[in-house]
């Protein structure tokens, strides 16, 4: 760690690069490999969090669909306007659910 700040650190880096170009290449390669691994780990964590969200969202949406079905079979069965509204809601939720299923399958592969 350099107590004199970034400028002292950078001057040291430049001095090292001029002393041994091969070592400088190795250092740059290691730094790039580290950044690549760090990005990969971040992407993996992001994918894991998304998968957890999808797995929590699927049952919630399925429950909403079941609730709409119950309502359609109950008091809304005789009210065609209410039935139309419920059918539209159900269709919208089913479309969302299908897209979530598709995304979930890609995360499983």
PDB file of N, CA and C in Angstrom:
ATOM      1  N   UNK A   1       0.847  -1.172   0.000  1.00  0.00           N
ATOM      2  CA  UNK A   1       0.000   0.000   0.000  1.00  0.00           C
ATOM      3  C   UNK A   1       0.889   1.231   0.000  1.00  0.00           C
ATOM      4  N   UNK A   2       0.528   2.199  -0.806  1.00  0.00           N
ATOM      5  CA  UNK A   2       1.315   3.419  -0.925  1.00  0.00           C
ATOM      6  C   UNK A   2       0.694   4.517  -0.084  1.00  0.00           C
ATOM      7  N   UNK A   3       1.465   4.972   0.886  1.00  0.00           N
ATOM      8  CA  UNK A   3       0.976   6.032   1.762  1.00  0.00           C
ATOM      9  C   UNK A   3       1.075   7.395   1.098  1.00  0.00           C
ATOM     10  N   UNK A   4       1.906   7.508   0.050  1.00  0.00           N
ATOM     11  CA  UNK A   4       2.111   8.795  -0.616  1.00  0.00           C
ATOM     12  C   UNK A   4       1.035   9.089  -1.649  1.00  0.00           C
ATOM     13  N   UNK A   5       0.099   8.187  -1.830  1.00  0.00           N
ATOM     14  CA  UNK A   5      -1.009   8.450  -2.737  1.00  0.00           C
ATOM     15  C   UNK A   5      -0.854   7.783  -4.090  1.00  0.00           C
ATOM     16  N   UNK A   6      -1.801   8.102  -4.930  1.00  0.00           N
ATOM     17  CA  UNK A   6      -1.881   7.470  -6.242  1.00  0.00           C
ATOM     18  C   UNK A   6      -0.692   7.829  -7.123  1.00  0.00           C
ATOM     19  N   UNK A   7      -0.231   9.061  -7.057  1.00  0.00           N
ATOM     20  CA  UNK A   7       0.863   9.483  -7.928  1.00  0.00           C
ATOM     21  C   UNK A   7       2.128   8.675  -7.642  1.00  0.00           C
ATOM     22  N   UNK A   8       2.435   8.444  -6.384  1.00  0.00           N
ATOM     23  CA  UNK A   8       3.603   7.632  -6.034  1.00  0.00           C
ATOM     24  C   UNK A   8       3.412   6.202  -6.525  1.00  0.00           C
ATOM     25  N   UNK A   9       2.209   5.705  -6.366  1.00  0.00           N
ATOM     26  CA  UNK A   9       1.912   4.354  -6.854  1.00  0.00           C
ATOM     27  C   UNK A   9       2.117   4.274  -8.364  1.00  0.00           C
ATOM     28  N   UNK A  10       1.562   5.234  -9.088  1.00  0.00           N
ATOM     29  CA  UNK A  10       1.669   5.224 -10.552  1.00  0.00           C
ATOM     30  C   UNK A  10       3.124   5.370 -10.989  1.00  0.00           C
ATOM     31  N   UNK A  11       3.896   6.222 -10.325  1.00  0.00           N
ATOM     32  CA  UNK A  11       5.316   6.369 -10.661  1.00  0.00           C
ATOM     33  C   UNK A  11       6.056   5.059 -10.443  1.00  0.00           C
ATOM     34  N   UNK A  12       5.726   4.359  -9.387  1.00  0.00           N
ATOM     35  CA  UNK A  12       6.334   3.061  -9.120  1.00  0.00           C
ATOM     36  C   UNK A  12       5.961   2.065 -10.224  1.00  0.00           C
ATOM     37  N   UNK A  13       4.705   2.097 -10.642  1.00  0.00           N
ATOM     38  CA  UNK A  13       4.266   1.205 -11.720  1.00  0.00           C
ATOM     39  C   UNK A  13       5.038   1.485 -13.007  1.00  0.00           C
ATOM     40  N   UNK A  14       5.189   2.745 -13.351  1.00  0.00           N
ATOM     41  CA  UNK A  14       5.917   3.112 -14.571  1.00  0.00           C
ATOM     42  C   UNK A  14       7.362   2.664 -14.471  1.00  0.00           C
ATOM     43  N   UNK A  15       7.977   2.847 -13.308  1.00  0.00           N
ATOM     44  CA  UNK A  15       9.365   2.419 -13.120  1.00  0.00           C
ATOM     45  C   UNK A  15       9.479   0.907 -13.284  1.00  0.00           C
ATOM     46  N   UNK A  16       8.546   0.181 -12.745  1.00  0.00           N
ATOM     47  CA  UNK A  16       8.573  -1.282 -12.876  1.00  0.00           C
ATOM     48  C   UNK A  16       8.380  -1.702 -14.326  1.00  0.00           C
ATOM     49  N   UNK A  17       7.517  -1.002 -15.050  1.00  0.00           N
ATOM     50  CA  UNK A  17       7.274  -1.352 -16.449  1.00  0.00           C
ATOM     51  C   UNK A  17       8.516  -1.130 -17.296  1.00  0.00           C
ATOM     52  N   UNK A  18       9.258  -0.070 -17.019  1.00  0.00           N
ATOM     53  CA  UNK A  18      10.455   0.197 -17.808  1.00  0.00           C
ATOM     54  C   UNK A  18      11.583  -0.748 -17.432  1.00  0.00           C
ATOM     55  N   UNK A  19      11.601  -1.248 -16.207  1.00  0.00           N
ATOM     56  CA  UNK A  19      12.647  -2.177 -15.793  1.00  0.00           C
ATOM     57  C   UNK A  19      12.468  -3.540 -16.444  1.00  0.00           C
ATOM     58  N   UNK A  20      11.274  -4.063 -16.430  1.00  0.00           N
ATOM     59  CA  UNK A  20      11.033  -5.405 -16.956  1.00  0.00           C
ATOM     60  C   UNK A  20       9.702  -5.423 -17.715  1.00  0.00           C
ATOM     61  N   UNK A  21       9.766  -5.265 -19.034  1.00  0.00           N
ATOM     62  CA  UNK A  21       8.530  -5.228 -19.827  1.00  0.00           C
ATOM     63  C   UNK A  21       7.703  -6.514 -19.708  1.00  0.00           C
ATOM     64  N   UNK A  22       8.371  -7.647 -19.571  1.00  0.00           N
ATOM     65  CA  UNK A  22       7.642  -8.910 -19.453  1.00  0.00           C
ATOM     66  C   UNK A  22       6.841  -8.949 -18.158  1.00  0.00           C
ATOM     67  N   UNK A  23       7.443  -8.456 -17.089  1.00  0.00           N
ATOM     68  CA  UNK A  23       6.732  -8.413 -15.814  1.00  0.00           C
ATOM     69  C   UNK A  23       5.539  -7.464 -15.905  1.00  0.00           C
ATOM     70  N   UNK A  24       5.708  -6.356 -16.597  1.00  0.00           N
ATOM     71  CA  UNK A  24       4.607  -5.406 -16.770  1.00  0.00           C
ATOM     72  C   UNK A  24       3.455  -6.060 -17.529  1.00  0.00           C
ATOM     73  N   UNK A  25       3.773  -6.844 -18.556  1.00  0.00           N
ATOM     74  CA  UNK A  25       2.731  -7.551 -19.308  1.00  0.00           C
ATOM     75  C   UNK A  25       2.007  -8.545 -18.407  1.00  0.00           C
ATOM     76  N   UNK A  26       2.781  -9.236 -17.581  1.00  0.00           N
ATOM     77  CA  UNK A  26       2.194 -10.209 -16.666  1.00  0.00           C
ATOM     78  C   UNK A  26       1.248  -9.525 -15.684  1.00  0.00           C
ATOM     79  N   UNK A  27       1.670  -8.389 -15.159  1.00  0.00           N
ATOM     80  CA  UNK A  27       0.833  -7.648 -14.214  1.00  0.00           C
ATOM     81  C   UNK A  27      -0.457  -7.197 -14.889  1.00  0.00           C
ATOM     82  N   UNK A  28      -0.339  -6.672 -16.106  1.00  0.00           N
ATOM     83  CA  UNK A  28      -1.543  -6.236 -16.827  1.00  0.00           C
ATOM     84  C   UNK A  28      -2.460  -7.415 -17.111  1.00  0.00           C
ATOM     85  N   UNK A  29      -1.882  -8.553 -17.489  1.00  0.00           N
ATOM     86  CA  UNK A  29      -2.687  -9.744 -17.767  1.00  0.00           C
ATOM     87  C   UNK A  29      -3.414 -10.205 -16.501  1.00  0.00           C
ATOM     88  N   UNK A  30      -2.697 -10.218 -15.379  1.00  0.00           N
ATOM     89  CA  UNK A  30      -3.317 -10.630 -14.115  1.00  0.00           C
ATOM     90  C   UNK A  30      -4.439  -9.675 -13.710  1.00  0.00           C
ATOM     91  N   UNK A  31      -4.218  -8.394 -13.920  1.00  0.00           N
ATOM     92  CA  UNK A  31      -5.248  -7.410 -13.579  1.00  0.00           C
ATOM     93  C   UNK A  31      -6.486  -7.613 -14.446  1.00  0.00           C
ATOM     94  N   UNK A  32      -6.287  -7.853 -15.726  1.00  0.00           N
ATOM     95  CA  UNK A  32      -7.421  -8.082 -16.625  1.00  0.00           C
ATOM     96  C   UNK A  32      -8.142  -9.381 -16.268  1.00  0.00           C
ATOM     97  N   UNK A  33      -7.397 -10.412 -15.926  1.00  0.00           N
ATOM     98  CA  UNK A  33      -8.009 -11.682 -15.527  1.00  0.00           C
ATOM     99  C   UNK A  33      -8.834 -11.496 -14.255  1.00  0.00           C
ATOM    100  N   UNK A  34      -8.316 -10.720 -13.327  1.00  0.00           N
ATOM    101  CA  UNK A  34      -9.053 -10.443 -12.088  1.00  0.00           C
ATOM    102  C   UNK A  34     -10.359  -9.712 -12.387  1.00  0.00           C
ATOM    103  N   UNK A  35     -10.287  -8.678 -13.234  1.00  0.00           N
ATOM    104  CA  UNK A  35     -11.502  -7.929 -13.578  1.00  0.00           C
ATOM    105  C   UNK A  35     -12.522  -8.821 -14.281  1.00  0.00           C
ATOM    106  N   UNK A  36     -12.054  -9.692 -15.152  1.00  0.00           N
ATOM    107  CA  UNK A  36     -12.953 -10.611 -15.854  1.00  0.00           C
ATOM    108  C   UNK A  36     -13.632 -11.554 -14.866  1.00  0.00           C
ATOM    109  N   UNK A  37     -12.862 -12.117 -13.954  1.00  0.00           N
ATOM    110  CA  UNK A  37     -13.432 -13.018 -12.946  1.00  0.00           C
ATOM    111  C   UNK A  37     -14.426 -12.284 -12.052  1.00  0.00           C
ATOM    112  N   UNK A  38     -14.103 -11.057 -11.705  1.00  0.00           N
ATOM    113  CA  UNK A  38     -14.987 -10.264 -10.857  1.00  0.00           C
ATOM    114  C   UNK A  38     -16.314 -10.009 -11.573  1.00  0.00           C
ATOM    115  N   UNK A  39     -16.252  -9.671 -12.873  1.00  0.00           N
ATOM    116  CA  UNK A  39     -17.474  -9.467 -13.653  1.00  0.00           C
ATOM    117  C   UNK A  39     -18.286 -10.749 -13.740  1.00  0.00           C
ATOM    118  N   UNK A  40     -17.597 -11.878 -13.941  1.00  0.00           N
ATOM    119  CA  UNK A  40     -18.297 -13.158 -14.041  1.00  0.00           C
ATOM    120  C   UNK A  40     -18.998 -13.501 -12.727  1.00  0.00           C
ATOM    121  N   UNK A  41     -18.320 -13.284 -11.614  1.00  0.00           N
ATOM    122  CA  UNK A  41     -18.942 -13.551 -10.309  1.00  0.00           C
ATOM    123  C   UNK A  41     -20.156 -12.650 -10.086  1.00  0.00           C
ATOM    124  N   UNK A  42     -20.027 -11.393 -10.470  1.00  0.00           N
ATOM    125  CA  UNK A  42     -21.151 -10.461 -10.319  1.00  0.00           C
ATOM    126  C   UNK A  42     -22.327 -10.898 -11.193  1.00  0.00           C
ATOM    127  N   UNK A  43     -22.035 -11.320 -12.419  1.00  0.00           N
ATOM    128  CA  UNK A  43     -23.100 -11.789 -13.311  1.00  0.00           C
ATOM    129  C   UNK A  43     -23.767 -13.047 -12.765  1.00  0.00           C
ATOM    130  N   UNK A  44     -22.971 -13.944 -12.192  1.00  0.00           N
ATOM    131  CA  UNK A  44     -23.532 -15.171 -11.614  1.00  0.00           C
ATOM    132  C   UNK A  44     -24.440 -14.848 -10.425  1.00  0.00           C
ATOM    133  N   UNK A  45     -24.004 -13.928  -9.575  1.00  0.00           N
ATOM    134  CA  UNK A  45     -24.831 -13.537  -8.427  1.00  0.00           C
ATOM    135  C   UNK A  45     -26.125 -12.880  -8.893  1.00  0.00           C
ATOM    136  N   UNK A  46     -26.016 -12.055  -9.912  1.00  0.00           N
ATOM    137  CA  UNK A  46     -27.207 -11.393 -10.451  1.00  0.00           C
ATOM    138  C   UNK A  46     -28.181 -12.428 -11.008  1.00  0.00           C
ATOM    139  N   UNK A  47     -27.662 -13.423 -11.713  1.00  0.00           N
ATOM    140  CA  UNK A  47     -28.513 -14.481 -12.261  1.00  0.00           C
ATOM    141  C   UNK A  47     -29.164 -15.293 -11.142  1.00  0.00           C
ATOM    142  N   UNK A  48     -28.418 -15.553 -10.072  1.00  0.00           N
ATOM    143  CA  UNK A  48     -28.980 -16.292  -8.938  1.00  0.00           C
ATOM    144  C   UNK A  48     -30.103 -15.507  -8.265  1.00  0.00           C
ATOM    145  N   UNK A  49     -29.881 -14.199  -8.091  1.00  0.00           N
ATOM    146  CA  UNK A  49     -30.933 -13.365  -7.489  1.00  0.00           C
ATOM    147  C   UNK A  49     -32.171 -13.326  -8.378  1.00  0.00           C
ATOM    148  N   UNK A  50     -31.960 -13.251  -9.689  1.00  0.00           N
ATOM    149  CA  UNK A  50     -33.095 -13.227 -10.616  1.00  0.00           C
ATOM    150  C   UNK A  50     -33.852 -14.551 -10.554  1.00  0.00           C
ATOM    151  N   UNK A  51     -33.129 -15.660 -10.477  1.00  0.00           N
ATOM    152  CA  UNK A  51     -33.764 -16.973 -10.396  1.00  0.00           C
ATOM    153  C   UNK A  51     -34.606 -17.087  -9.121  1.00  0.00           C
ATOM    154  N   UNK A  52     -34.085 -16.603  -8.018  1.00  0.00           N
ATOM    155  CA  UNK A  52     -34.839 -16.623  -6.763  1.00  0.00           C
ATOM    156  C   UNK A  52     -36.110 -15.793  -6.905  1.00  0.00           C
ATOM    157  N   UNK A  53     -35.990 -14.615  -7.520  1.00  0.00           N
ATOM    158  CA  UNK A  53     -37.170 -13.775  -7.736  1.00  0.00           C
ATOM    159  C   UNK A  53     -38.204 -14.508  -8.584  1.00  0.00           C
ATOM    160  N   UNK A  54     -37.759 -15.136  -9.674  1.00  0.00           N
ATOM    161  CA  UNK A  54     -38.688 -15.844 -10.557  1.00  0.00           C
ATOM    162  C   UNK A  54     -39.386 -16.977  -9.820  1.00  0.00           C
ATOM    163  N   UNK A  55     -38.619 -17.716  -9.016  1.00  0.00           N
ATOM    164  CA  UNK A  55     -39.195 -18.845  -8.283  1.00  0.00           C
ATOM    165  C   UNK A  55     -40.191 -18.381  -7.217  1.00  0.00           C
ATOM    166  N   UNK A  56     -40.044 -17.169  -6.735  1.00  0.00           N
ATOM    167  CA  UNK A  56     -41.021 -16.626  -5.789  1.00  0.00           C
ATOM    168  C   UNK A  56     -42.230 -16.036  -6.521  1.00  0.00           C
ATOM    169  N   UNK A  57     -42.000 -15.515  -7.701  1.00  0.00           N
ATOM    170  CA  UNK A  57     -43.063 -14.854  -8.459  1.00  0.00           C
ATOM    171  C   UNK A  57     -44.040 -15.856  -9.074  1.00  0.00           C
ATOM    172  N   UNK A  58     -43.555 -17.007  -9.500  1.00  0.00           N
ATOM    173  CA  UNK A  58     -44.412 -18.006 -10.158  1.00  0.00           C
ATOM    174  C   UNK A  58     -45.583 -18.420  -9.272  1.00  0.00           C
ATOM    175  N   UNK A  59     -45.363 -18.870  -8.042  1.00  0.00           N
ATOM    176  CA  UNK A  59     -46.516 -19.265  -7.222  1.00  0.00           C
ATOM    177  C   UNK A  59     -47.457 -18.100  -6.898  1.00  0.00           C
ATOM    178  N   UNK A  60     -46.890 -16.906  -6.761  1.00  0.00           N
ATOM    179  CA  UNK A  60     -47.729 -15.740  -6.477  1.00  0.00           C
ATOM    180  C   UNK A  60     -48.692 -15.483  -7.634  1.00  0.00           C
ATOM    181  N   UNK A  61     -48.182 -15.542  -8.870  1.00  0.00           N
ATOM    182  CA  UNK A  61     -49.040 -15.322 -10.036  1.00  0.00           C
ATOM    183  C   UNK A  61     -50.044 -16.454 -10.215  1.00  0.00           C
ATOM    184  N   UNK A  62     -49.594 -17.685  -9.954  1.00  0.00           N
ATOM    185  CA  UNK A  62     -50.517 -18.822 -10.060  1.00  0.00           C
ATOM    186  C   UNK A  62     -51.655 -18.684  -9.052  1.00  0.00           C
ATOM    187  N   UNK A  63     -51.332 -18.179  -7.874  1.00  0.00           N
ATOM    188  CA  UNK A  63     -52.365 -17.967  -6.857  1.00  0.00           C
ATOM    189  C   UNK A  63     -53.344 -16.875  -7.293  1.00  0.00           C
ATOM    190  N   UNK A  64     -52.828 -15.833  -7.927  1.00  0.00           N
ATOM    191  CA  UNK A  64     -53.711 -14.783  -8.440  1.00  0.00           C
ATOM    192  C   UNK A  64     -54.673 -15.347  -9.484  1.00  0.00           C
ATOM    193  N   UNK A  65     -54.154 -16.196 -10.370  1.00  0.00           N
ATOM    194  CA  UNK A  65     -55.001 -16.814 -11.394  1.00  0.00           C
ATOM    195  C   UNK A  65     -56.078 -17.672 -10.736  1.00  0.00           C
ATOM    196  N   UNK A  66     -55.700 -18.445  -9.744  1.00  0.00           N
ATOM    197  CA  UNK A  66     -56.682 -19.275  -9.032  1.00  0.00           C
ATOM    198  C   UNK A  66     -57.747 -18.415  -8.350  1.00  0.00           C
ATOM    199  N   UNK A  67     -57.335 -17.297  -7.784  1.00  0.00           N
ATOM    200  CA  UNK A  67     -58.286 -16.385  -7.152  1.00  0.00           C
ATOM    201  C   UNK A  67     -59.264 -15.804  -8.164  1.00  0.00           C
ATOM    202  N   UNK A  68     -58.755 -15.455  -9.335  1.00  0.00           N
ATOM    203  CA  UNK A  68     -59.627 -14.932 -10.392  1.00  0.00           C
ATOM    204  C   UNK A  68     -60.592 -16.014 -10.856  1.00  0.00           C
ATOM    205  N   UNK A  69     -60.079 -17.241 -11.008  1.00  0.00           N
ATOM    206  CA  UNK A  69     -60.957 -18.356 -11.393  1.00  0.00           C
ATOM    207  C   UNK A  69     -62.078 -18.546 -10.375  1.00  0.00           C
ATOM    208  N   UNK A  70     -61.726 -18.497  -9.100  1.00  0.00           N
ATOM    209  CA  UNK A  70     -62.740 -18.648  -8.047  1.00  0.00           C
ATOM    210  C   UNK A  70     -63.789 -17.543  -8.137  1.00  0.00           C
ATOM    211  N   UNK A  71     -63.306 -16.321  -8.366  1.00  0.00           N
ATOM    212  CA  UNK A  71     -64.232 -15.193  -8.467  1.00  0.00           C
ATOM    213  C   UNK A  71     -65.125 -15.325  -9.707  1.00  0.00           C
ATOM    214  N   UNK A  72     -64.542 -15.823 -10.804  1.00  0.00           N
ATOM    215  CA  UNK A  72     -65.326 -16.010 -12.032  1.00  0.00           C
ATOM    216  C   UNK A  72     -66.404 -17.073 -11.840  1.00  0.00           C
ATOM    217  N   UNK A  73     -66.102 -18.089 -11.068  1.00  0.00           N
ATOM    218  CA  UNK A  73     -67.064 -19.168 -10.830  1.00  0.00           C
ATOM    219  C   UNK A  73     -68.070 -18.814  -9.742  1.00  0.00           C
ATOM    220  N   UNK A  74     -67.778 -17.789  -8.994  1.00  0.00           N
ATOM    221  CA  UNK A  74     -68.667 -17.396  -7.900  1.00  0.00           C
ATOM    222  C   UNK A  74     -69.633 -16.312  -8.326  1.00  0.00           C
ATOM    223  N   UNK A  75     -69.538 -15.190  -7.639  1.00  0.00           N
ATOM    224  CA  UNK A  75     -70.501 -14.115  -7.834  1.00  0.00           C
ATOM    225  C   UNK A  75     -70.422 -13.450  -9.204  1.00  0.00           C
ATOM    226  N   UNK A  76     -69.269 -13.496  -9.869  1.00  0.00           N
ATOM    227  CA  UNK A  76     -69.129 -12.832 -11.165  1.00  0.00           C
ATOM    228  C   UNK A  76     -69.716 -13.655 -12.306  1.00  0.00           C
ATOM    229  N   UNK A  77     -70.100 -14.878 -12.051  1.00  0.00           N
ATOM    230  CA  UNK A  77     -70.614 -15.743 -13.115  1.00  0.00           C
ATOM    231  C   UNK A  77     -71.877 -15.174 -13.751  1.00  0.00           C
ATOM    232  N   UNK A  78     -72.641 -14.414 -13.017  1.00  0.00           N
ATOM    233  CA  UNK A  78     -73.887 -13.868 -13.556  1.00  0.00           C
ATOM    234  C   UNK A  78     -73.745 -12.417 -14.034  1.00  0.00           C
ATOM    235  N   UNK A  79     -72.577 -11.812 -13.819  1.00  0.00           N
ATOM    236  CA  UNK A  79     -72.345 -10.420 -14.236  1.00  0.00           C
ATOM    237  C   UNK A  79     -71.331 -10.420 -15.382  1.00  0.00           C
ATOM    238  N   UNK A  80     -71.852 -10.254 -16.616  1.00  0.00           N
ATOM    239  CA  UNK A  80     -70.964 -10.402 -17.772  1.00  0.00           C
ATOM    240  C   UNK A  80     -69.889  -9.321 -17.826  1.00  0.00           C
ATOM    241  N   UNK A  81     -70.156  -8.106 -17.340  1.00  0.00           N
ATOM    242  CA  UNK A  81     -69.133  -7.050 -17.338  1.00  0.00           C
ATOM    243  C   UNK A  81     -67.997  -7.408 -16.380  1.00  0.00           C
ATOM    244  N   UNK A  82     -68.366  -7.859 -15.213  1.00  0.00           N
ATOM    245  CA  UNK A  82     -67.356  -8.271 -14.235  1.00  0.00           C
ATOM    246  C   UNK A  82     -66.576  -9.470 -14.764  1.00  0.00           C
ATOM    247  N   UNK A  83     -67.287 -10.373 -15.433  1.00  0.00           N
ATOM    248  CA  UNK A  83     -66.652 -11.556 -16.001  1.00  0.00           C
ATOM    249  C   UNK A  83     -65.645 -11.168 -17.079  1.00  0.00           C
ATOM    250  N   UNK A  84     -65.996 -10.195 -17.916  1.00  0.00           N
ATOM    251  CA  UNK A  84     -65.068  -9.706 -18.951  1.00  0.00           C
ATOM    252  C   UNK A  84     -63.815  -9.108 -18.321  1.00  0.00           C
ATOM    253  N   UNK A  85     -64.005  -8.302 -17.282  1.00  0.00           N
ATOM    254  CA  UNK A  85     -62.866  -7.703 -16.577  1.00  0.00           C
ATOM    255  C   UNK A  85     -61.946  -8.782 -16.014  1.00  0.00           C
ATOM    256  N   UNK A  86     -62.550  -9.757 -15.377  1.00  0.00           N
ATOM    257  CA  UNK A  86     -61.760 -10.831 -14.769  1.00  0.00           C
ATOM    258  C   UNK A  86     -61.026 -11.646 -15.827  1.00  0.00           C
ATOM    259  N   UNK A  87     -61.688 -11.895 -16.949  1.00  0.00           N
ATOM    260  CA  UNK A  87     -61.035 -12.651 -18.027  1.00  0.00           C
ATOM    261  C   UNK A  87     -59.840 -11.877 -18.585  1.00  0.00           C
ATOM    262  N   UNK A  88     -59.979 -10.551 -18.715  1.00  0.00           N
ATOM    263  CA  UNK A  88     -58.874  -9.720 -19.194  1.00  0.00           C
ATOM    264  C   UNK A  88     -57.717  -9.741 -18.197  1.00  0.00           C
ATOM    265  N   UNK A  89     -58.040  -9.629 -16.907  1.00  0.00           N
ATOM    266  CA  UNK A  89     -56.997  -9.692 -15.875  1.00  0.00           C
ATOM    267  C   UNK A  89     -56.283 -11.037 -15.909  1.00  0.00           C
ATOM    268  N   UNK A  90     -57.079 -12.086 -16.030  1.00  0.00           N
ATOM    269  CA  UNK A  90     -56.508 -13.435 -16.042  1.00  0.00           C
ATOM    270  C   UNK A  90     -55.589 -13.608 -17.242  1.00  0.00           C
ATOM    271  N   UNK A  91     -56.017 -13.137 -18.407  1.00  0.00           N
ATOM    272  CA  UNK A  91     -55.207 -13.263 -19.622  1.00  0.00           C
ATOM    273  C   UNK A  91     -53.883 -12.512 -19.465  1.00  0.00           C
ATOM    274  N   UNK A  92     -53.947 -11.318 -18.888  1.00  0.00           N
ATOM    275  CA  UNK A  92     -52.737 -10.524 -18.677  1.00  0.00           C
ATOM    276  C   UNK A  92     -51.764 -11.242 -17.737  1.00  0.00           C
ATOM    277  N   UNK A  93     -52.285 -11.764 -16.656  1.00  0.00           N
ATOM    278  CA  UNK A  93     -51.440 -12.476 -15.688  1.00  0.00           C
ATOM    279  C   UNK A  93     -50.873 -13.747 -16.310  1.00  0.00           C
ATOM    280  N   UNK A  94     -51.674 -14.445 -17.101  1.00  0.00           N
ATOM    281  CA  UNK A  94     -51.183 -15.657 -17.770  1.00  0.00           C
ATOM    282  C   UNK A  94     -50.052 -15.336 -18.738  1.00  0.00           C
ATOM    283  N   UNK A  95     -50.150 -14.211 -19.452  1.00  0.00           N
ATOM    284  CA  UNK A  95     -49.073 -13.817 -20.364  1.00  0.00           C
ATOM    285  C   UNK A  95     -47.790 -13.510 -19.596  1.00  0.00           C
ATOM    286  N   UNK A  96     -47.931 -12.814 -18.483  1.00  0.00           N
ATOM    287  CA  UNK A  96     -46.762 -12.525 -17.640  1.00  0.00           C
ATOM    288  C   UNK A  96     -46.164 -13.830 -17.126  1.00  0.00           C
ATOM    289  N   UNK A  97     -47.026 -14.726 -16.697  1.00  0.00           N
ATOM    290  CA  UNK A  97     -46.572 -16.007 -16.161  1.00  0.00           C
ATOM    291  C   UNK A  97     -45.836 -16.823 -17.225  1.00  0.00           C
ATOM    292  N   UNK A  98     -46.344 -16.808 -18.449  1.00  0.00           N
ATOM    293  CA  UNK A  98     -45.668 -17.534 -19.532  1.00  0.00           C
ATOM    294  C   UNK A  98     -44.274 -16.969 -19.793  1.00  0.00           C
ATOM    295  N   UNK A  99     -44.144 -15.653 -19.770  1.00  0.00           N
ATOM    296  CA  UNK A  99     -42.819 -15.066 -19.990  1.00  0.00           C
ATOM    297  C   UNK A  99     -41.879 -15.395 -18.832  1.00  0.00           C
ATOM    298  N   UNK A 100     -42.420 -15.448 -17.622  1.00  0.00           N
ATOM    299  CA  UNK A 100     -41.597 -15.810 -16.464  1.00  0.00           C
ATOM    300  C   UNK A 100     -41.178 -17.274 -16.543  1.00  0.00           C
ATOM    301  N   UNK A 101     -42.096 -18.147 -16.964  1.00  0.00           N
ATOM    302  CA  UNK A 101     -41.732 -19.556 -17.162  1.00  0.00           C
ATOM    303  C   UNK A 101     -40.587 -19.680 -18.167  1.00  0.00           C
ATOM    304  N   UNK A 102     -40.685 -18.956 -19.273  1.00  0.00           N
ATOM    305  CA  UNK A 102     -39.647 -19.023 -20.307  1.00  0.00           C
ATOM    306  C   UNK A 102     -38.305 -18.546 -19.760  1.00  0.00           C
ATOM    307  N   UNK A 103     -38.323 -17.443 -19.028  1.00  0.00           N
ATOM    308  CA  UNK A 103     -37.079 -16.933 -18.445  1.00  0.00           C
ATOM    309  C   UNK A 103     -36.527 -17.903 -17.411  1.00  0.00           C
ATOM    310  N   UNK A 104     -37.405 -18.482 -16.609  1.00  0.00           N
ATOM    311  CA  UNK A 104     -36.981 -19.445 -15.593  1.00  0.00           C
ATOM    312  C   UNK A 104     -36.302 -20.640 -16.252  1.00  0.00           C
ATOM    313  N   UNK A 105     -36.862 -21.118 -17.365  1.00  0.00           N
ATOM    314  CA  UNK A 105     -36.261 -22.256 -18.067  1.00  0.00           C
ATOM    315  C   UNK A 105     -34.875 -21.918 -18.595  1.00  0.00           C
ATOM    316  N   UNK A 106     -34.672 -20.698 -19.085  1.00  0.00           N
ATOM    317  CA  UNK A 106     -33.341 -20.329 -19.578  1.00  0.00           C
ATOM    318  C   UNK A 106     -32.335 -20.268 -18.436  1.00  0.00           C
ATOM    319  N   UNK A 107     -32.774 -19.857 -17.248  1.00  0.00           N
ATOM    320  CA  UNK A 107     -31.865 -19.819 -16.093  1.00  0.00           C
ATOM    321  C   UNK A 107     -31.548 -21.228 -15.590  1.00  0.00           C
ATOM    322  N   UNK A 108     -32.436 -22.172 -15.836  1.00  0.00           N
ATOM    323  CA  UNK A 108     -32.216 -23.549 -15.396  1.00  0.00           C
ATOM    324  C   UNK A 108     -31.216 -24.275 -16.288  1.00  0.00           C
ATOM    325  N   UNK A 109     -31.087 -23.841 -17.520  1.00  0.00           N
ATOM    326  CA  UNK A 109     -30.200 -24.538 -18.473  1.00  0.00           C
ATOM    327  C   UNK A 109     -28.751 -24.287 -18.184  1.00  0.00           C
TER     328      UNK A 109
END
